Amino acid sequence: MRGYSRVLVTGGAGFIGSHLVDRLLGEGFEVVVLDDFSSGRMENLSGCFGRDGFVLVRGDVRDRDVVRKVVEGVDVVFHLAALVSVPVSVENPVLVEDVNVGGTLNVLKVCVDVGVKRFVFAGSCAVYGEGHGVPRREDDVLDPISPYGVSKLAGEFYCRVFYRVYGLETVVLRYFNVYGPRQVYGPYSGVISIFINRLLEGRPPVIFGDGNQVRDFVYVKDVVEANFLAMFSKNAVGEVFNVGSGRCTSINELAGLLIELMGVDVKPVYSDPRLGDIRYSCADISRARKVLGFEPKVSLREGLLETIAWFKENYGRKTA
């Protein structure tokens, strides 16, 4: 296993984290999960209990004692624990700063103290801010427009400093719009899970703004693959990589595709734009392709079909 045997996934009971945990266990790693279950769900880990090498600890990444306990003896840390909602960050920027920046700094410091080999950070495309109609490159000017984006940018800078000053092998992955099974449905969920659930109830999707805003939707299993590649790549150390599909989709196009796939006879309704929402967000993934060997494999249509099937099975709702 290239020198690694035991890993920690913070936020491992969450949407993306639990898929990463599944993959790591399947590859034979010992996996420790740290999650406070503020957004993570126990059922996301239902297939992990009783498996050799799996340990679950309920705790907060801001708690130094808990973090030291779970990091001891770990080779690699995947840091996914965060408050990830832009609207929540607008409503409560102090809390988002405390969790996303303070929590990240706490985990980084403990990793250095106990000799962790590599730290893979779940960054965000929110660090770019408003786009200008072109795919975002890692060396573009960073200009976040929400407290959430600021918190993720601060986490990136701490990763960079901990590599340069302390020698911790850090890798930053800037996630674009991740979707797939297990994505939490609620008022602050990703647009795909919200649209699917409204359509399952026979209600039209609500689009904020004119729907021409563009996103790069990347399937969760492709994101997991990027994390795996980041764990092993020698050339990734100290670097930042976009993790997206490399394809752009407008919200209008997304709504139309979901309505088609789900066979619901509705039309989208439109509402006012939301504070902090970015107009254009699409990834240039050429650096991840070149350095990590990353290549997204799941098309939007295929990924949506799998996501729709999961929501139907888990929420028991029927289309009208």
C-alpha atoms as a PDB file:
ATOM      1  CA  MET A   1       0.000   0.000   0.000  1.00  0.00           C
ATOM      2  CA  ARG A   2       2.952   2.282  -0.779  1.00  0.00           C
ATOM      3  CA  GLY A   3       3.896   2.779   2.861  1.00  0.00           C
ATOM      4  CA  TYR A   4       0.454   3.837   4.126  1.00  0.00           C
ATOM      5  CA  SER A   5      -1.790   1.596   6.191  1.00  0.00           C
ATOM      6  CA  ARG A   6      -3.906   3.713   8.560  1.00  0.00           C
ATOM      7  CA  VAL A   7      -5.821   6.843   7.553  1.00  0.00           C
ATOM      8  CA  LEU A   8      -8.137   9.361   9.190  1.00  0.00           C
ATOM      9  CA  VAL A   9     -11.156  10.886   7.470  1.00  0.00           C
ATOM     10  CA  THR A  10     -12.578  13.914   9.277  1.00  0.00           C
ATOM     11  CA  GLY A  11     -16.197  14.397   8.319  1.00  0.00           C
ATOM     12  CA  GLY A  12     -16.220  10.735   7.343  1.00  0.00           C
ATOM     13  CA  ALA A  13     -19.935  10.288   8.078  1.00  0.00           C
ATOM     14  CA  GLY A  14     -20.807  12.993   5.577  1.00  0.00           C
ATOM     15  CA  PHE A  15     -21.819  12.770   1.958  1.00  0.00           C
ATOM     16  CA  ILE A  16     -18.379  12.774   0.319  1.00  0.00           C
ATOM     17  CA  GLY A  17     -16.469  11.482   3.339  1.00  0.00           C
ATOM     18  CA  SER A  18     -18.514   8.294   3.651  1.00  0.00           C
ATOM     19  CA  HIS A  19     -17.913   7.402   0.009  1.00  0.00           C
ATOM     20  CA  LEU A  20     -14.194   7.922   0.586  1.00  0.00           C
ATOM     21  CA  VAL A  21     -14.349   5.695   3.671  1.00  0.00           C
ATOM     22  CA  ASP A  22     -16.019   2.934   1.640  1.00  0.00           C
ATOM     23  CA  ARG A  23     -13.273   3.101  -0.964  1.00  0.00           C
ATOM     24  CA  LEU A  24     -10.457   3.109   1.584  1.00  0.00           C
ATOM     25  CA  LEU A  25     -11.851   0.120   3.470  1.00  0.00           C
ATOM     26  CA  GLY A  26     -12.327  -1.697   0.171  1.00  0.00           C
ATOM     27  CA  GLU A  27      -8.664  -1.106  -0.631  1.00  0.00           C
ATOM     28  CA  GLY A  28      -7.569  -2.637   2.674  1.00  0.00           C
ATOM     29  CA  PHE A  29      -6.768   0.457   4.721  1.00  0.00           C
ATOM     30  CA  GLU A  30      -7.464   0.841   8.410  1.00  0.00           C
ATOM     31  CA  VAL A  31      -9.815   3.810   8.586  1.00  0.00           C
ATOM     32  CA  VAL A  32     -10.568   6.112  11.505  1.00  0.00           C
ATOM     33  CA  VAL A  33     -13.563   8.447  11.105  1.00  0.00           C
ATOM     34  CA  LEU A  34     -13.974  11.617  13.150  1.00  0.00           C
ATOM     35  CA  ASP A  35     -17.383  13.275  12.855  1.00  0.00           C
ATOM     36  CA  ASP A  36     -19.554  15.379  15.167  1.00  0.00           C
ATOM     37  CA  PHE A  37     -22.707  14.402  13.232  1.00  0.00           C
ATOM     38  CA  SER A  38     -23.833  17.991  12.830  1.00  0.00           C
ATOM     39  CA  SER A  39     -24.442  17.112   9.182  1.00  0.00           C
ATOM     40  CA  GLY A  40     -22.997  13.602   8.873  1.00  0.00           C
ATOM     41  CA  ARG A  41     -25.354  10.650   9.177  1.00  0.00           C
ATOM     42  CA  MET A  42     -24.810   7.321  10.892  1.00  0.00           C
ATOM     43  CA  GLU A  43     -26.589   5.478   8.067  1.00  0.00           C
ATOM     44  CA  ASN A  44     -23.898   6.665   5.647  1.00  0.00           C
ATOM     45  CA  LEU A  45     -21.514   4.343   7.487  1.00  0.00           C
ATOM     46  CA  SER A  46     -23.914   1.424   7.871  1.00  0.00           C
ATOM     47  CA  GLY A  47     -21.789  -0.795   5.644  1.00  0.00           C
ATOM     48  CA  CYS A  48     -18.642  -0.107   7.683  1.00  0.00           C
ATOM     49  CA  PHE A  49     -19.570  -1.367  11.136  1.00  0.00           C
ATOM     50  CA  GLY A  50     -18.042  -4.716  11.962  1.00  0.00           C
ATOM     51  CA  ARG A  51     -15.406  -4.451   9.243  1.00  0.00           C
ATOM     52  CA  ASP A  52     -11.791  -4.997  10.203  1.00  0.00           C
ATOM     53  CA  GLY A  53      -9.845  -1.786  10.665  1.00  0.00           C
ATOM     54  CA  PHE A  54     -12.834   0.569  10.970  1.00  0.00           C
ATOM     55  CA  VAL A  55     -13.017   2.954  13.936  1.00  0.00           C
ATOM     56  CA  LEU A  56     -15.621   5.674  14.472  1.00  0.00           C
ATOM     57  CA  VAL A  57     -15.100   8.520  16.944  1.00  0.00           C
ATOM     58  CA  ARG A  58     -17.744  11.152  17.595  1.00  0.00           C
ATOM     59  CA  GLY A  59     -16.041  14.476  18.123  1.00  0.00           C
ATOM     60  CA  ASP A  60     -15.289  17.993  16.927  1.00  0.00           C
ATOM     61  CA  VAL A  61     -12.236  18.984  14.879  1.00  0.00           C
ATOM     62  CA  ARG A  62     -11.866  22.025  17.144  1.00  0.00           C
ATOM     63  CA  ASP A  63     -11.257  19.778  20.179  1.00  0.00           C
ATOM     64  CA  ARG A  64      -7.471  19.358  20.464  1.00  0.00           C
ATOM     65  CA  ASP A  65      -7.650  16.318  22.763  1.00  0.00           C
ATOM     66  CA  VAL A  66     -10.074  14.426  20.532  1.00  0.00           C
ATOM     67  CA  VAL A  67      -8.073  15.235  17.416  1.00  0.00           C
ATOM     68  CA  ARG A  68      -4.834  14.060  19.011  1.00  0.00           C
ATOM     69  CA  LYS A  69      -6.529  10.820  19.992  1.00  0.00           C
ATOM     70  CA  VAL A  70      -7.671  10.012  16.457  1.00  0.00           C
ATOM     71  CA  VAL A  71      -4.542  11.231  14.645  1.00  0.00           C
ATOM     72  CA  GLU A  72      -2.115   9.145  16.725  1.00  0.00           C
ATOM     73  CA  GLY A  73      -0.710   6.348  14.558  1.00  0.00           C
ATOM     74  CA  VAL A  74      -2.252   7.655  11.324  1.00  0.00           C
ATOM     75  CA  ASP A  75      -0.260   7.949   8.089  1.00  0.00           C
ATOM     76  CA  VAL A  76      -2.624  10.113   6.026  1.00  0.00           C
ATOM     77  CA  VAL A  77      -5.373  12.556   6.992  1.00  0.00           C
ATOM     78  CA  PHE A  78      -8.221  13.459   4.638  1.00  0.00           C
ATOM     79  CA  HIS A  79      -9.732  16.624   6.089  1.00  0.00           C
ATOM     80  CA  LEU A  80     -13.318  16.942   4.891  1.00  0.00           C
ATOM     81  CA  ALA A  81     -14.991  18.155   8.103  1.00  0.00           C
ATOM     82  CA  ALA A  82     -16.472  21.611   7.513  1.00  0.00           C
ATOM     83  CA  LEU A  83     -19.580  23.736   7.448  1.00  0.00           C
ATOM     84  CA  VAL A  84     -20.142  23.751   3.709  1.00  0.00           C
ATOM     85  CA  SER A  85     -23.181  25.972   3.148  1.00  0.00           C
ATOM     86  CA  VAL A  86     -22.760  29.387   1.550  1.00  0.00           C
ATOM     87  CA  PRO A  87     -26.122  30.622   2.934  1.00  0.00           C
ATOM     88  CA  VAL A  88     -25.205  29.461   6.445  1.00  0.00           C
ATOM     89  CA  SER A  89     -21.872  31.273   6.138  1.00  0.00           C
ATOM     90  CA  VAL A  90     -23.686  34.482   5.212  1.00  0.00           C
ATOM     91  CA  GLU A  91     -26.001  34.084   8.217  1.00  0.00           C
ATOM     92  CA  ASN A  92     -23.288  33.044  10.680  1.00  0.00           C
ATOM     93  CA  PRO A  93     -19.783  33.929   9.453  1.00  0.00           C
ATOM     94  CA  VAL A  94     -18.209  33.640  12.914  1.00  0.00           C
ATOM     95  CA  LEU A  95     -19.275  30.006  13.281  1.00  0.00           C
ATOM     96  CA  VAL A  96     -18.021  29.123   9.810  1.00  0.00           C
ATOM     97  CA  GLU A  97     -14.683  30.768  10.579  1.00  0.00           C
ATOM     98  CA  ASP A  98     -14.418  28.861  13.845  1.00  0.00           C
ATOM     99  CA  VAL A  99     -15.113  25.442  12.326  1.00  0.00           C
ATOM    100  CA  ASN A 100     -13.536  25.753   8.889  1.00  0.00           C
ATOM    101  CA  VAL A 101     -10.444  27.767   9.779  1.00  0.00           C
ATOM    102  CA  GLY A 102      -9.938  27.015  13.468  1.00  0.00           C
ATOM    103  CA  GLY A 103     -10.762  23.349  12.995  1.00  0.00           C
ATOM    104  CA  THR A 104      -8.418  23.008  10.029  1.00  0.00           C
ATOM    105  CA  LEU A 105      -5.576  24.731  11.860  1.00  0.00           C
ATOM    106  CA  ASN A 106      -6.119  22.465  14.865  1.00  0.00           C
ATOM    107  CA  VAL A 107      -5.925  19.296  12.765  1.00  0.00           C
ATOM    108  CA  LEU A 108      -2.867  20.535  10.869  1.00  0.00           C
ATOM    109  CA  LYS A 109      -0.997  21.325  14.088  1.00  0.00           C
ATOM    110  CA  VAL A 110      -1.721  17.909  15.580  1.00  0.00           C
ATOM    111  CA  CYS A 111      -0.630  16.237  12.319  1.00  0.00           C
ATOM    112  CA  VAL A 112       2.758  17.941  12.608  1.00  0.00           C
ATOM    113  CA  ASP A 113       3.026  17.103  16.311  1.00  0.00           C
ATOM    114  CA  VAL A 114       2.496  13.364  15.798  1.00  0.00           C
ATOM    115  CA  GLY A 115       4.290  12.940  12.464  1.00  0.00           C
ATOM    116  CA  VAL A 116       1.498  12.386   9.929  1.00  0.00           C
ATOM    117  CA  LYS A 117       2.936  11.852   6.442  1.00  0.00           C
ATOM    118  CA  ARG A 118       0.307  13.476   4.242  1.00  0.00           C
ATOM    119  CA  PHE A 119      -2.676  15.811   4.634  1.00  0.00           C
ATOM    120  CA  VAL A 120      -5.292  16.039   1.874  1.00  0.00           C
ATOM    121  CA  PHE A 121      -7.555  19.067   2.234  1.00  0.00           C
ATOM    122  CA  ALA A 122     -11.078  19.353   0.833  1.00  0.00           C
ATOM    123  CA  GLY A 123     -11.008  22.828  -0.669  1.00  0.00           C
ATOM    124  CA  SER A 124     -13.691  24.551  -2.691  1.00  0.00           C
ATOM    125  CA  CYS A 125     -14.234  26.356  -5.971  1.00  0.00           C
ATOM    126  CA  ALA A 126     -15.813  29.088  -3.813  1.00  0.00           C
ATOM    127  CA  VAL A 127     -12.308  30.552  -3.406  1.00  0.00           C
ATOM    128  CA  TYR A 128     -12.439  31.855  -6.988  1.00  0.00           C
ATOM    129  CA  GLY A 129     -15.433  34.122  -6.583  1.00  0.00           C
ATOM    130  CA  GLU A 130     -17.201  35.393  -9.668  1.00  0.00           C
ATOM    131  CA  GLY A 131     -16.147  33.843 -12.957  1.00  0.00           C
ATOM    132  CA  HIS A 132     -15.881  35.614 -16.267  1.00  0.00           C
ATOM    133  CA  GLY A 133     -17.149  32.978 -18.662  1.00  0.00           C
ATOM    134  CA  VAL A 134     -13.976  30.903 -18.755  1.00  0.00           C
ATOM    135  CA  PRO A 135     -12.990  27.732 -16.851  1.00  0.00           C
ATOM    136  CA  ARG A 136     -11.141  28.522 -13.653  1.00  0.00           C
ATOM    137  CA  ARG A 137      -7.455  27.647 -13.392  1.00  0.00           C
ATOM    138  CA  GLU A 138      -5.614  27.076 -10.144  1.00  0.00           C
ATOM    139  CA  ASP A 139      -3.404  30.127 -10.686  1.00  0.00           C
ATOM    140  CA  ASP A 140      -6.334  32.504 -11.316  1.00  0.00           C
ATOM    141  CA  VAL A 141      -6.886  35.445  -8.993  1.00  0.00           C
ATOM    142  CA  LEU A 142      -8.779  34.275  -5.905  1.00  0.00           C
ATOM    143  CA  ASP A 143     -11.613  36.563  -4.841  1.00  0.00           C
ATOM    144  CA  PRO A 144     -14.231  34.754  -2.710  1.00  0.00           C
ATOM    145  CA  ILE A 145     -17.590  36.486  -2.325  1.00  0.00           C
ATOM    146  CA  SER A 146     -18.921  34.580   0.700  1.00  0.00           C
ATOM    147  CA  PRO A 147     -17.617  33.910   4.225  1.00  0.00           C
ATOM    148  CA  TYR A 148     -17.569  30.222   3.286  1.00  0.00           C
ATOM    149  CA  GLY A 149     -15.225  30.936   0.367  1.00  0.00           C
ATOM    150  CA  VAL A 150     -12.980  33.018   2.627  1.00  0.00           C
ATOM    151  CA  SER A 151     -12.827  30.201   5.184  1.00  0.00           C
ATOM    152  CA  LYS A 152     -11.793  27.690   2.531  1.00  0.00           C
ATOM    153  CA  LEU A 153      -9.137  30.027   1.170  1.00  0.00           C
ATOM    154  CA  ALA A 154      -7.717  30.464   4.664  1.00  0.00           C
ATOM    155  CA  GLY A 155      -7.554  26.671   4.967  1.00  0.00           C
ATOM    156  CA  GLU A 156      -5.605  26.498   1.709  1.00  0.00           C
ATOM    157  CA  PHE A 157      -3.085  29.067   2.932  1.00  0.00           C
ATOM    158  CA  TYR A 158      -2.595  27.178   6.173  1.00  0.00           C
ATOM    159  CA  CYS A 159      -1.929  24.009   4.176  1.00  0.00           C
ATOM    160  CA  ARG A 160       0.655  25.823   2.099  1.00  0.00           C
ATOM    161  CA  VAL A 161       2.373  27.253   5.175  1.00  0.00           C
ATOM    162  CA  PHE A 162       2.406  23.919   7.003  1.00  0.00           C
ATOM    163  CA  TYR A 163       4.135  22.355   3.996  1.00  0.00           C
ATOM    164  CA  ARG A 164       6.704  25.119   3.640  1.00  0.00           C
ATOM    165  CA  VAL A 165       7.400  25.715   7.331  1.00  0.00           C
ATOM    166  CA  TYR A 166       6.853  22.301   8.936  1.00  0.00           C
ATOM    167  CA  GLY A 167       7.338  19.907   6.018  1.00  0.00           C
ATOM    168  CA  LEU A 168       3.872  18.329   6.249  1.00  0.00           C
ATOM    169  CA  GLU A 169       2.975  16.916   2.820  1.00  0.00           C
ATOM    170  CA  THR A 170      -0.213  18.825   2.023  1.00  0.00           C
ATOM    171  CA  VAL A 171      -2.399  18.536  -1.065  1.00  0.00           C
ATOM    172  CA  VAL A 172      -5.383  20.825  -1.700  1.00  0.00           C
ATOM    173  CA  LEU A 173      -8.303  19.632  -3.826  1.00  0.00           C
ATOM    174  CA  ARG A 174     -10.709  22.368  -4.886  1.00  0.00           C
ATOM    175  CA  TYR A 175     -14.047  20.600  -5.249  1.00  0.00           C
ATOM    176  CA  PHE A 176     -16.552  21.999  -7.693  1.00  0.00           C
ATOM    177  CA  ASN A 177     -20.251  21.008  -7.436  1.00  0.00           C
ATOM    178  CA  VAL A 178     -20.175  17.469  -6.063  1.00  0.00           C
ATOM    179  CA  TYR A 179     -23.344  15.377  -6.255  1.00  0.00           C
ATOM    180  CA  GLY A 180     -24.468  11.790  -5.826  1.00  0.00           C
ATOM    181  CA  PRO A 181     -26.103   9.323  -3.418  1.00  0.00           C
ATOM    182  CA  ARG A 182     -26.163  10.280   0.283  1.00  0.00           C
ATOM    183  CA  GLN A 183     -26.231  14.018  -0.380  1.00  0.00           C
ATOM    184  CA  VAL A 184     -28.279  15.525   2.418  1.00  0.00           C
ATOM    185  CA  TYR A 185     -31.640  16.987   1.421  1.00  0.00           C
ATOM    186  CA  GLY A 186     -32.579  20.227   3.141  1.00  0.00           C
ATOM    187  CA  PRO A 187     -32.843  23.985   2.594  1.00  0.00           C
ATOM    188  CA  TYR A 188     -29.057  24.337   2.283  1.00  0.00           C
ATOM    189  CA  SER A 189     -28.457  21.231   0.171  1.00  0.00           C
ATOM    190  CA  GLY A 190     -26.835  21.139  -3.232  1.00  0.00           C
ATOM    191  CA  VAL A 191     -29.084  22.108  -6.107  1.00  0.00           C
ATOM    192  CA  ILE A 192     -29.293  18.577  -7.526  1.00  0.00           C
ATOM    193  CA  SER A 193     -30.622  16.984  -4.334  1.00  0.00           C
ATOM    194  CA  ILE A 194     -33.132  19.826  -3.903  1.00  0.00           C
ATOM    195  CA  PHE A 195     -34.373  19.547  -7.490  1.00  0.00           C
ATOM    196  CA  ILE A 196     -34.666  15.753  -7.309  1.00  0.00           C
ATOM    197  CA  ASN A 197     -36.679  15.835  -4.101  1.00  0.00           C
ATOM    198  CA  ARG A 198     -39.055  18.487  -5.390  1.00  0.00           C
ATOM    199  CA  LEU A 199     -39.610  16.460  -8.554  1.00  0.00           C
ATOM    200  CA  LEU A 200     -40.171  13.279  -6.546  1.00  0.00           C
ATOM    201  CA  GLU A 201     -42.966  15.173  -4.822  1.00  0.00           C
ATOM    202  CA  GLY A 202     -44.359  16.360  -8.159  1.00  0.00           C
ATOM    203  CA  ARG A 203     -43.310  19.952  -7.466  1.00  0.00           C
ATOM    204  CA  PRO A 204     -41.365  22.147  -9.907  1.00  0.00           C
ATOM    205  CA  PRO A 205     -37.707  22.999  -9.264  1.00  0.00           C
ATOM    206  CA  VAL A 206     -37.148  26.551  -7.996  1.00  0.00           C
ATOM    207  CA  ILE A 207     -34.343  28.408  -9.790  1.00  0.00           C
ATOM    208  CA  PHE A 208     -32.784  31.434  -8.107  1.00  0.00           C
ATOM    209  CA  GLY A 209     -32.025  34.068 -10.738  1.00  0.00           C
ATOM    210  CA  ASP A 210     -32.445  33.513 -14.469  1.00  0.00           C
ATOM    211  CA  GLY A 211     -31.007  29.975 -14.528  1.00  0.00           C
ATOM    212  CA  ASN A 212     -28.189  30.878 -16.871  1.00  0.00           C
ATOM    213  CA  GLN A 213     -25.640  30.595 -14.088  1.00  0.00           C
ATOM    214  CA  VAL A 214     -23.183  27.808 -14.875  1.00  0.00           C
ATOM    215  CA  ARG A 215     -21.824  25.020 -12.678  1.00  0.00           C
ATOM    216  CA  ASP A 216     -19.398  22.125 -13.018  1.00  0.00           C
ATOM    217  CA  PHE A 217     -21.169  19.058 -11.575  1.00  0.00           C
ATOM    218  CA  VAL A 218     -18.802  16.241 -10.613  1.00  0.00           C
ATOM    219  CA  TYR A 219     -19.955  12.830  -9.411  1.00  0.00           C
ATOM    220  CA  VAL A 220     -18.924  11.830  -5.902  1.00  0.00           C
ATOM    221  CA  LYS A 221     -17.066   8.678  -6.969  1.00  0.00           C
ATOM    222  CA  ASP A 222     -14.870  10.760  -9.279  1.00  0.00           C
ATOM    223  CA  VAL A 223     -14.078  13.015  -6.321  1.00  0.00           C
ATOM    224  CA  VAL A 224     -13.135   9.962  -4.265  1.00  0.00           C
ATOM    225  CA  GLU A 225     -10.768   8.897  -7.035  1.00  0.00           C
ATOM    226  CA  ALA A 226      -9.112  12.327  -6.960  1.00  0.00           C
ATOM    227  CA  ASN A 227      -8.518  11.940  -3.218  1.00  0.00           C
ATOM    228  CA  PHE A 228      -6.988   8.525  -3.776  1.00  0.00           C
ATOM    229  CA  LEU A 229      -4.640   9.877  -6.423  1.00  0.00           C
ATOM    230  CA  ALA A 230      -3.695  12.816  -4.186  1.00  0.00           C
ATOM    231  CA  MET A 231      -2.701  10.421  -1.426  1.00  0.00           C
ATOM    232  CA  PHE A 232      -0.023   8.754  -3.532  1.00  0.00           C
ATOM    233  CA  SER A 233       1.237  11.292  -6.074  1.00  0.00           C
ATOM    234  CA  LYS A 234       4.755  12.523  -5.284  1.00  0.00           C
ATOM    235  CA  ASN A 235       4.323  15.538  -7.541  1.00  0.00           C
ATOM    236  CA  ALA A 236       1.121  16.627  -5.802  1.00  0.00           C
ATOM    237  CA  VAL A 237       2.800  17.701  -2.564  1.00  0.00           C
ATOM    238  CA  GLY A 238       2.345  21.387  -1.819  1.00  0.00           C
ATOM    239  CA  GLU A 239       0.040  21.824  -4.815  1.00  0.00           C
ATOM    240  CA  VAL A 240      -3.587  22.762  -5.472  1.00  0.00           C
ATOM    241  CA  PHE A 241      -5.874  20.955  -7.924  1.00  0.00           C
ATOM    242  CA  ASN A 242      -9.317  21.612  -9.316  1.00  0.00           C
ATOM    243  CA  VAL A 243     -11.605  18.600  -8.988  1.00  0.00           C
ATOM    244  CA  GLY A 244     -14.512  18.840 -11.384  1.00  0.00           C
ATOM    245  CA  SER A 245     -15.896  17.202 -14.484  1.00  0.00           C
ATOM    246  CA  GLY A 246     -14.389  19.805 -16.813  1.00  0.00           C
ATOM    247  CA  ARG A 247     -17.867  20.289 -18.307  1.00  0.00           C
ATOM    248  CA  CYS A 248     -20.170  23.277 -17.821  1.00  0.00           C
ATOM    249  CA  THR A 249     -23.921  22.990 -17.257  1.00  0.00           C
ATOM    250  CA  SER A 250     -26.401  25.822 -16.703  1.00  0.00           C
ATOM    251  CA  ILE A 251     -29.016  25.501 -13.982  1.00  0.00           C
ATOM    252  CA  ASN A 252     -31.674  25.696 -16.684  1.00  0.00           C
ATOM    253  CA  GLU A 253     -30.061  22.762 -18.484  1.00  0.00           C
ATOM    254  CA  LEU A 254     -29.827  20.806 -15.249  1.00  0.00           C
ATOM    255  CA  ALA A 255     -33.497  21.360 -14.445  1.00  0.00           C
ATOM    256  CA  GLY A 256     -34.519  20.321 -17.946  1.00  0.00           C
ATOM    257  CA  LEU A 257     -32.436  17.149 -17.808  1.00  0.00           C
ATOM    258  CA  LEU A 258     -33.830  16.130 -14.415  1.00  0.00           C
ATOM    259  CA  ILE A 259     -37.406  16.746 -15.543  1.00  0.00           C
ATOM    260  CA  GLU A 260     -36.718  14.562 -18.593  1.00  0.00           C
ATOM    261  CA  LEU A 261     -35.061  11.749 -16.614  1.00  0.00           C
ATOM    262  CA  MET A 262     -37.767  11.711 -13.956  1.00  0.00           C
ATOM    263  CA  GLY A 263     -40.680  12.049 -16.333  1.00  0.00           C
ATOM    264  CA  VAL A 264     -42.479  14.750 -14.360  1.00  0.00           C
ATOM    265  CA  ASP A 265     -44.756  17.168 -16.213  1.00  0.00           C
ATOM    266  CA  VAL A 266     -43.677  20.449 -14.626  1.00  0.00           C
ATOM    267  CA  LYS A 267     -41.749  23.572 -15.558  1.00  0.00           C
ATOM    268  CA  PRO A 268     -39.215  25.363 -13.363  1.00  0.00           C
ATOM    269  CA  VAL A 269     -40.273  28.426 -11.401  1.00  0.00           C
ATOM    270  CA  TYR A 270     -37.940  31.363 -10.841  1.00  0.00           C
ATOM    271  CA  SER A 271     -37.094  33.363  -7.744  1.00  0.00           C
ATOM    272  CA  ASP A 272     -34.721  36.178  -6.781  1.00  0.00           C
ATOM    273  CA  PRO A 273     -30.947  35.491  -6.845  1.00  0.00           C
ATOM    274  CA  ARG A 274     -29.363  34.512  -3.518  1.00  0.00           C
ATOM    275  CA  LEU A 275     -26.627  36.429  -1.728  1.00  0.00           C
ATOM    276  CA  GLY A 276     -23.191  34.849  -2.187  1.00  0.00           C
ATOM    277  CA  ASP A 277     -24.120  32.782  -5.235  1.00  0.00           C
ATOM    278  CA  ILE A 278     -21.520  32.725  -8.002  1.00  0.00           C
ATOM    279  CA  ARG A 279     -22.627  33.335 -11.582  1.00  0.00           C
ATOM    280  CA  TYR A 280     -20.084  31.209 -13.417  1.00  0.00           C
ATOM    281  CA  SER A 281     -18.179  28.285 -11.960  1.00  0.00           C
ATOM    282  CA  CYS A 282     -16.507  25.757 -14.214  1.00  0.00           C
ATOM    283  CA  ALA A 283     -13.224  23.887 -13.733  1.00  0.00           C
ATOM    284  CA  ASP A 284     -10.145  23.628 -15.874  1.00  0.00           C
ATOM    285  CA  ILE A 285      -8.907  20.202 -14.736  1.00  0.00           C
ATOM    286  CA  SER A 286      -5.816  20.014 -16.944  1.00  0.00           C
ATOM    287  CA  ARG A 287      -3.438  20.235 -13.962  1.00  0.00           C
ATOM    288  CA  ALA A 288      -5.195  17.361 -12.163  1.00  0.00           C
ATOM    289  CA  ARG A 289      -5.073  15.335 -15.376  1.00  0.00           C
ATOM    290  CA  LYS A 290      -1.367  15.987 -15.884  1.00  0.00           C
ATOM    291  CA  VAL A 291      -0.079  15.645 -12.305  1.00  0.00           C
ATOM    292  CA  LEU A 292      -2.557  13.281 -10.646  1.00  0.00           C
ATOM    293  CA  GLY A 293      -3.689  11.308 -13.674  1.00  0.00           C
ATOM    294  CA  PHE A 294      -7.250  12.312 -12.780  1.00  0.00           C
ATOM    295  CA  GLU A 295      -9.924  11.597 -15.381  1.00  0.00           C
ATOM    296  CA  PRO A 296     -13.642  11.904 -14.517  1.00  0.00           C
ATOM    297  CA  LYS A 297     -15.470   8.781 -15.634  1.00  0.00           C
ATOM    298  CA  VAL A 298     -19.147   9.379 -14.790  1.00  0.00           C
ATOM    299  CA  SER A 299     -21.242  11.479 -17.175  1.00  0.00           C
ATOM    300  CA  LEU A 300     -23.838  13.877 -15.797  1.00  0.00           C
ATOM    301  CA  ARG A 301     -26.708  11.803 -17.171  1.00  0.00           C
ATOM    302  CA  GLU A 302     -25.315   8.577 -15.674  1.00  0.00           C
ATOM    303  CA  GLY A 303     -24.590  10.196 -12.337  1.00  0.00           C
ATOM    304  CA  LEU A 304     -28.046  11.778 -12.151  1.00  0.00           C
ATOM    305  CA  LEU A 305     -29.720   8.448 -12.847  1.00  0.00           C
ATOM    306  CA  GLU A 306     -27.797   6.819  -9.968  1.00  0.00           C
ATOM    307  CA  THR A 307     -28.607   9.746  -7.682  1.00  0.00           C
ATOM    308  CA  ILE A 308     -32.306   9.702  -8.582  1.00  0.00           C
ATOM    309  CA  ALA A 309     -32.450   5.947  -7.897  1.00  0.00           C
ATOM    310  CA  TRP A 310     -30.858   6.444  -4.474  1.00  0.00           C
ATOM    311  CA  PHE A 311     -33.282   9.199  -3.471  1.00  0.00           C
ATOM    312  CA  LYS A 312     -36.265   7.130  -4.616  1.00  0.00           C
ATOM    313  CA  GLU A 313     -35.084   4.165  -2.556  1.00  0.00           C
ATOM    314  CA  ASN A 314     -34.227   6.134   0.549  1.00  0.00           C
ATOM    315  CA  TYR A 315     -37.063   8.610   0.692  1.00  0.00           C
ATOM    316  CA  GLY A 316     -39.867   6.479  -0.708  1.00  0.00           C
ATOM    317  CA  ARG A 317     -41.394   9.330  -2.637  1.00  0.00           C
ATOM    318  CA  LYS A 318     -43.067   8.786  -5.975  1.00  0.00           C
ATOM    319  CA  THR A 319     -43.266  11.074  -8.955  1.00  0.00           C
ATOM    320  CA  ALA A 320     -46.649  12.615  -9.608  1.00  0.00           C
END
